[in-house]
Amino acid sequence: MTAQPGLLNLITDVPGLRVGNADDDTLKSGVTVLVGEAPFTAGVHVMGGAPGTRETDLLAPDKTVEQVDALTLSGGSAFGLDAASGVADVLRSMGRGFAVGDVRVPIVPGAILFDLLNGGAKDWSENPYKALGTTALRAAAARFALGTAGAGTGATTANLKGGLGSASLVLPCGHTVGALVAVNALGSATVGDGSAFWAAPFEISDEFGGHGAARDYPGTQVPATKLGQHGNTTIGIVATDAALSQPQCTRMATAAHDGFARALVPSHTPMDGDLIFAASTGARAMTDPIYDTMLLGHAAATCMARAIARAIYLATPAPGDTLPTWQQRFG
């Protein structure tokens, strides 16, 4: 038996997780929130040189609080960090959060990408991201939009419009793994000037067009990038129903970065803030912790590579875009 995508081929195939998007077409930006039916264990690993984050220090394996209420991905650069405040406000009104006496404090780590130079209107008088965070959480559901949606609304890559992607796998051992990603990379998800995706070897059932791998991959030269813009970052989440500790979540997040390297060239650069959160609902025990942890990391990387290609493949055009979509150029 081989691993196959879950019913929706989304991160929400992991039972107990939901995702909500909120976006503003005039702003050309948005927010995506992952929330659980209950708090979940989380970890994080950063490999880019220019990250923007909120509450990631508490996800270190030696910290006291191991579970979080939600994870937030946002556009807007540092302004987008305020999206988590909107999420926290709604969670608090629901009675969610870490208990400190008779007070509940929602734990909502977040990460942002830079989309301030993408042609959208950024002349706001009041930071819009807190309201977008509120809207995204309230929209959380099992099914959600991909492509030009949520945190991927205004994302770009070196040569094509970026977007929001997701994918899942159900492993032979019974565990489910999923990935969610907002792709705003300095590098490219496609090979050279062609339509083939770097992630093509990992594609399942033509989920991003079935175009196969390029015949001639570039050699040692660095492919064209958007280095001159200095505004990048791919941020994502991998999740599973396997019962993982915080250190094991951190290990899964670390392994999932292989998915970035498989699907984006170059990745993890000094001008990207590449970051991956990992989440565990803890619903299913592991029978072989050493082997299962290795398998979960590999599956997370595979899901992430596929999710990145799906983000680019499913992006849609909008007025004022600075780059074409994959569909406009190759579809």
Protein backbone atom coordinates (compact mmCIF):
# COMPACT_ATOMS: atom_id res chain seq x y z
CA MET A 1 0.00 0.00 0.00
CA THR A 2 1.35 3.41 -0.97
CA ALA A 3 0.50 6.81 0.46
CA GLN A 4 -2.32 8.63 -1.28
CA PRO A 5 -3.86 12.08 -0.87
CA GLY A 6 -6.73 12.44 1.57
CA LEU A 7 -10.30 13.09 0.49
CA LEU A 8 -9.79 16.83 -0.09
CA ASN A 9 -6.03 16.86 -0.79
CA LEU A 10 -5.85 19.68 1.74
CA ILE A 11 -4.22 20.11 5.15
CA THR A 12 -7.72 19.83 6.61
CA ASP A 13 -7.67 16.12 5.78
CA VAL A 14 -5.96 15.99 9.18
CA PRO A 15 -9.06 15.53 11.39
CA GLY A 16 -9.81 18.39 13.74
CA LEU A 17 -8.15 21.14 11.70
CA ARG A 18 -9.81 23.94 9.75
CA VAL A 19 -8.47 26.76 7.58
CA GLY A 20 -9.91 30.20 6.93
CA ASN A 21 -8.93 32.79 4.33
CA ALA A 22 -9.56 36.52 4.15
CA ASP A 23 -8.31 38.71 1.31
CA ASP A 24 -8.66 42.18 -0.13
CA ASP A 25 -8.35 42.48 -3.92
CA THR A 26 -7.64 46.23 -3.77
CA LEU A 27 -4.95 45.71 -1.17
CA LYS A 28 -3.68 42.64 -3.08
CA SER A 29 -3.01 40.89 0.20
CA GLY A 30 -4.64 38.63 2.75
CA VAL A 31 -4.49 36.31 5.72
CA THR A 32 -4.79 32.55 6.22
CA VAL A 33 -5.46 30.94 9.60
CA LEU A 34 -5.13 27.31 10.70
CA VAL A 35 -7.22 26.54 13.80
CA GLY A 36 -7.95 23.34 15.67
CA GLU A 37 -11.09 22.09 17.35
CA ALA A 38 -8.83 21.98 20.42
CA PRO A 39 -5.33 23.32 21.16
CA PHE A 40 -2.61 21.44 19.31
CA THR A 41 1.11 20.87 19.81
CA ALA A 42 3.29 23.00 17.54
CA GLY A 43 6.88 23.58 16.52
CA VAL A 44 8.67 25.83 14.03
CA HIS A 45 11.85 25.99 11.99
CA VAL A 46 13.19 29.05 10.17
CA MET A 47 15.69 28.68 7.32
CA GLY A 48 15.36 31.99 5.51
CA GLY A 49 17.55 34.97 6.28
CA ALA A 50 14.77 37.57 6.57
CA PRO A 51 11.89 36.20 8.68
CA GLY A 52 9.02 38.13 10.23
CA THR A 53 7.34 36.33 13.11
CA ARG A 54 5.17 36.53 16.22
CA GLU A 55 5.39 34.19 19.25
CA THR A 56 7.75 31.72 17.61
CA ASP A 57 10.15 31.74 20.58
CA LEU A 58 7.59 29.92 22.73
CA LEU A 59 7.59 27.04 20.21
CA ALA A 60 11.16 26.08 21.07
CA PRO A 61 11.40 22.57 22.57
CA ASP A 62 12.53 23.89 25.95
CA LYS A 63 9.67 26.34 26.47
CA THR A 64 6.77 25.88 28.91
CA VAL A 65 3.70 26.25 26.68
CA GLU A 66 3.60 23.38 24.17
CA GLN A 67 0.19 23.88 22.59
CA VAL A 68 -1.29 26.71 20.56
CA ASP A 69 -4.82 27.69 19.53
CA ALA A 70 -4.12 28.78 15.95
CA LEU A 71 -1.37 29.59 13.46
CA THR A 72 -1.50 32.64 11.21
CA LEU A 73 0.08 33.26 7.80
CA SER A 74 -0.20 36.81 6.48
CA GLY A 75 0.85 39.19 3.77
CA GLY A 76 1.77 42.76 4.62
CA SER A 77 5.32 42.35 5.89
CA ALA A 78 5.61 43.53 9.52
CA PHE A 79 2.17 45.13 9.31
CA GLY A 80 0.72 41.64 8.77
CA LEU A 81 1.83 40.48 12.20
CA ASP A 82 -1.24 42.29 13.51
CA ALA A 83 -3.43 39.62 11.88
CA ALA A 84 -2.74 37.34 14.85
CA SER A 85 -4.21 39.97 17.17
CA GLY A 86 -7.52 39.75 15.34
CA VAL A 87 -7.42 35.96 15.57
CA ALA A 88 -6.64 36.12 19.29
CA ASP A 89 -9.55 38.50 19.93
CA VAL A 90 -12.05 36.09 18.38
CA LEU A 91 -10.58 33.08 20.17
CA ARG A 92 -10.79 34.92 23.50
CA SER A 93 -14.45 35.71 22.87
CA MET A 94 -14.95 31.95 22.34
CA GLY A 95 -13.33 31.14 25.69
CA ARG A 96 -10.24 29.72 24.02
CA GLY A 97 -6.70 30.21 25.29
CA PHE A 98 -4.04 29.22 27.79
CA ALA A 99 -5.47 29.37 31.30
CA VAL A 100 -3.74 31.77 33.71
CA GLY A 101 -5.95 31.92 36.79
CA ASP A 102 -9.36 33.00 35.59
CA VAL A 103 -7.91 34.58 32.42
CA ARG A 104 -7.61 32.90 29.01
CA VAL A 105 -4.74 33.96 26.75
CA PRO A 106 -5.02 32.64 23.16
CA ILE A 107 -1.65 31.49 21.80
CA VAL A 108 -1.44 32.45 18.12
CA PRO A 109 2.03 32.30 16.54
CA GLY A 110 2.27 33.90 13.13
CA ALA A 111 4.55 34.61 10.19
CA ILE A 112 4.44 37.13 7.38
CA LEU A 113 5.56 37.53 3.78
CA PHE A 114 6.48 40.72 1.93
CA ASP A 115 3.89 41.76 -0.68
CA LEU A 116 4.04 45.56 -0.37
CA LEU A 117 5.35 46.12 -3.93
CA ASN A 118 2.87 43.98 -5.84
CA GLY A 119 0.69 46.71 -7.35
CA GLY A 120 -1.97 46.80 -4.62
CA ALA A 121 -3.13 49.88 -2.74
CA LYS A 122 -1.03 50.12 0.41
CA ASP A 123 -1.94 53.68 1.44
CA TRP A 124 -4.14 52.63 4.36
CA SER A 125 -4.83 54.99 7.25
CA GLU A 126 -5.36 52.08 9.63
CA ASN A 127 -3.59 48.74 9.55
CA PRO A 128 -6.07 46.37 7.82
CA TYR A 129 -4.53 43.08 8.92
CA LYS A 130 -6.15 42.76 12.33
CA ALA A 131 -9.60 42.85 10.68
CA LEU A 132 -8.44 40.38 8.02
CA GLY A 133 -7.28 38.03 10.76
CA THR A 134 -10.69 38.23 12.42
CA THR A 135 -12.45 37.51 9.12
CA ALA A 136 -10.14 34.62 8.28
CA LEU A 137 -10.74 32.86 11.59
CA ARG A 138 -14.49 33.24 11.30
CA ALA A 139 -14.32 31.71 7.80
CA ALA A 140 -12.42 28.61 8.97
CA ALA A 141 -13.74 25.40 7.41
CA ALA A 142 -12.62 22.06 6.01
CA ARG A 143 -12.76 23.38 2.44
CA PHE A 144 -10.97 26.58 1.47
CA ALA A 145 -9.73 28.31 -1.65
CA LEU A 146 -6.27 27.83 -3.12
CA GLY A 147 -4.28 29.95 -5.58
CA THR A 148 -5.02 33.67 -5.33
CA ALA A 149 -6.52 33.52 -1.84
CA GLY A 150 -5.71 34.31 1.77
CA ALA A 151 -2.05 34.95 2.51
CA GLY A 152 -1.20 34.06 -1.09
CA THR A 153 -3.40 36.76 -2.64
CA GLY A 154 -0.58 39.10 -3.57
CA ALA A 155 2.31 36.66 -3.60
CA THR A 156 4.82 36.49 -6.44
CA THR A 157 7.79 34.40 -7.55
CA ALA A 158 10.70 35.22 -9.84
CA ASN A 159 8.68 34.75 -13.01
CA LEU A 160 5.04 34.04 -12.13
CA LYS A 161 2.32 35.05 -9.71
CA GLY A 162 2.50 33.12 -6.45
CA GLY A 163 -0.35 31.91 -4.29
CA LEU A 164 -1.71 29.66 -1.57
CA GLY A 165 -1.29 25.89 -1.86
CA SER A 166 -2.15 22.76 0.09
CA ALA A 167 -1.79 18.99 -0.22
CA SER A 168 -2.13 15.88 1.93
CA LEU A 169 -1.12 12.23 2.24
CA VAL A 170 -2.60 9.31 4.14
CA LEU A 171 0.26 7.00 5.06
CA PRO A 172 0.16 3.19 5.16
CA CYS A 173 0.52 3.36 8.95
CA GLY A 174 -2.78 5.27 9.07
CA HIS A 175 -1.44 8.72 9.92
CA THR A 176 -2.46 11.73 7.84
CA VAL A 177 -0.03 14.51 6.92
CA GLY A 178 -0.90 17.80 5.26
CA ALA A 179 0.81 20.99 4.13
CA LEU A 180 -0.34 24.58 3.69
CA VAL A 181 1.87 27.24 2.11
CA ALA A 182 1.86 30.85 0.90
CA VAL A 183 4.41 31.03 -1.92
CA ASN A 184 6.13 34.40 -2.31
CA ALA A 185 9.57 33.23 -3.29
CA LEU A 186 12.68 35.04 -4.48
CA GLY A 187 13.22 32.05 -6.75
CA SER A 188 11.04 30.17 -9.21
CA ALA A 189 8.69 27.19 -8.92
CA THR A 190 9.11 26.37 -12.61
CA VAL A 191 12.17 25.25 -14.54
CA GLY A 192 13.76 27.78 -16.88
CA ASP A 193 11.31 29.34 -19.33
CA GLY A 194 9.10 26.27 -19.50
CA SER A 195 5.89 25.10 -17.85
CA ALA A 196 7.37 22.20 -15.86
CA PHE A 197 7.49 22.47 -12.08
CA TRP A 198 10.55 21.67 -10.00
CA ALA A 199 8.15 19.59 -7.87
CA ALA A 200 7.07 17.44 -10.85
CA PRO A 201 8.64 14.18 -9.54
CA PHE A 202 6.29 14.31 -6.54
CA GLU A 203 3.04 15.09 -8.37
CA ILE A 204 0.03 12.83 -7.77
CA SER A 205 -2.90 12.47 -10.22
CA ASP A 206 -2.09 15.55 -12.31
CA GLU A 207 -2.76 17.82 -9.33
CA PHE A 208 -0.75 20.60 -10.96
CA GLY A 209 -1.28 19.79 -14.61
CA GLY A 210 0.67 16.58 -15.17
CA HIS A 211 3.29 18.28 -17.36
CA GLY A 212 6.15 16.13 -16.10
CA ALA A 213 9.72 17.17 -15.40
CA ALA A 214 11.78 19.43 -17.66
CA ARG A 215 14.27 17.65 -19.89
CA ASP A 216 17.12 20.08 -19.30
CA TYR A 217 17.55 21.32 -15.76
CA PRO A 218 19.95 24.25 -15.33
CA GLY A 219 23.48 23.51 -14.24
CA THR A 220 25.44 25.37 -11.63
CA GLN A 221 24.23 28.84 -12.65
CA VAL A 222 21.62 30.51 -10.44
CA PRO A 223 18.25 30.79 -12.22
CA ALA A 224 16.65 34.21 -12.61
CA THR A 225 15.29 35.60 -9.33
CA LYS A 226 13.47 38.70 -8.10
CA LEU A 227 16.47 39.66 -5.97
CA GLY A 228 16.25 43.31 -7.03
CA GLN A 229 12.86 43.65 -5.36
CA HIS A 230 14.17 42.46 -1.96
CA GLY A 231 10.66 41.39 -0.95
CA ASN A 232 10.09 37.68 -0.62
CA THR A 233 9.37 34.82 1.82
CA THR A 234 7.56 31.50 1.58
CA ILE A 235 5.74 30.55 4.79
CA GLY A 236 3.94 27.31 5.50
CA ILE A 237 2.51 24.79 7.93
CA VAL A 238 2.71 21.00 8.01
CA ALA A 239 0.30 19.08 10.19
CA THR A 240 -0.45 15.53 11.27
CA ASP A 241 -2.79 13.55 13.50
CA ALA A 242 0.19 11.58 14.84
CA ALA A 243 0.87 12.17 18.55
CA LEU A 244 4.05 14.25 18.47
CA SER A 245 5.86 16.09 21.24
CA GLN A 246 7.05 19.66 20.71
CA PRO A 247 10.60 18.47 19.85
CA GLN A 248 9.13 15.98 17.35
CA CYS A 249 7.03 18.76 15.80
CA THR A 250 10.18 20.83 15.46
CA ARG A 251 11.88 17.91 13.71
CA MET A 252 8.94 17.54 11.30
CA ALA A 253 9.05 21.27 10.50
CA THR A 254 12.79 20.97 9.84
CA ALA A 255 12.34 18.01 7.51
CA ALA A 256 9.52 19.77 5.66
CA HIS A 257 11.97 22.42 4.46
CA ASP A 258 13.18 19.77 2.00
CA GLY A 259 9.88 20.48 0.23
CA PHE A 260 10.88 24.11 -0.23
CA ALA A 261 14.21 23.06 -1.72
CA ARG A 262 12.55 20.55 -4.05
CA ALA A 263 9.96 23.01 -5.36
CA LEU A 264 11.64 26.46 -5.32
CA VAL A 265 15.01 27.33 -6.85
CA PRO A 266 16.78 28.98 -5.16
CA SER A 267 15.23 28.67 -1.70
CA HIS A 268 16.30 29.59 1.86
CA THR A 269 18.16 32.66 0.62
CA PRO A 270 19.33 35.63 2.71
CA MET A 271 16.42 37.67 1.29
CA ASP A 272 13.70 35.06 1.96
CA GLY A 273 12.11 34.60 5.38
CA ASP A 274 11.37 30.93 4.71
CA LEU A 275 9.61 29.39 7.71
CA ILE A 276 7.55 26.27 8.42
CA PHE A 277 5.31 25.61 11.41
CA ALA A 278 4.42 22.05 12.37
CA ALA A 279 1.20 21.03 14.12
CA SER A 280 0.13 17.79 15.79
CA THR A 281 -3.43 17.11 16.93
CA GLY A 282 -2.19 14.02 18.81
CA ALA A 283 -5.18 11.91 17.78
CA ARG A 284 -3.23 8.79 16.72
CA ALA A 285 -0.38 7.15 18.64
CA MET A 286 2.79 6.05 16.87
CA THR A 287 3.60 2.34 17.01
CA ASP A 288 7.26 2.84 16.04
CA PRO A 289 8.32 6.35 17.15
CA ILE A 290 11.70 6.31 15.41
CA TYR A 291 10.53 4.99 12.03
CA ASP A 292 7.21 6.83 12.11
CA THR A 293 8.89 10.16 12.89
CA MET A 294 11.20 9.68 9.91
CA LEU A 295 8.26 8.77 7.66
CA LEU A 296 6.24 11.77 8.84
CA GLY A 297 9.10 14.13 8.01
CA HIS A 298 9.48 12.68 4.53
CA ALA A 299 5.73 12.87 3.93
CA ALA A 300 5.64 16.46 5.16
CA ALA A 301 8.39 17.45 2.71
CA THR A 302 6.60 15.70 -0.14
CA CYS A 303 3.28 17.38 0.69
CA MET A 304 5.01 20.75 0.91
CA ALA A 305 6.61 20.42 -2.53
CA ARG A 306 3.25 19.48 -4.05
CA ALA A 307 1.46 22.30 -2.22
CA ILE A 308 3.93 24.85 -3.59
CA ALA A 309 3.33 23.75 -7.18
CA ARG A 310 -0.44 23.75 -6.63
CA ALA A 311 -0.24 27.33 -5.35
CA ILE A 312 1.37 28.51 -8.58
CA TYR A 313 -0.78 26.33 -10.85
CA LEU A 314 -4.06 27.55 -9.32
CA ALA A 315 -3.28 31.29 -9.13
CA THR A 316 -5.74 33.52 -10.99
CA PRO A 317 -5.18 36.93 -12.64
CA ALA A 318 -6.35 40.22 -11.14
CA PRO A 319 -6.19 43.86 -12.26
CA GLY A 320 -2.84 45.48 -11.59
CA ASP A 321 -0.84 42.25 -11.39
CA THR A 322 2.88 42.72 -11.92
CA LEU A 323 3.41 39.14 -13.17
CA PRO A 324 1.37 36.65 -15.22
CA THR A 325 -0.16 33.55 -13.69
CA TRP A 326 0.98 30.08 -14.71
CA GLN A 327 -2.37 29.59 -16.48
CA GLN A 328 -1.99 32.83 -18.45
CA ARG A 329 1.46 31.89 -19.63
CA PHE A 330 1.15 28.15 -20.16
CA GLY A 331 -2.50 27.12 -19.75
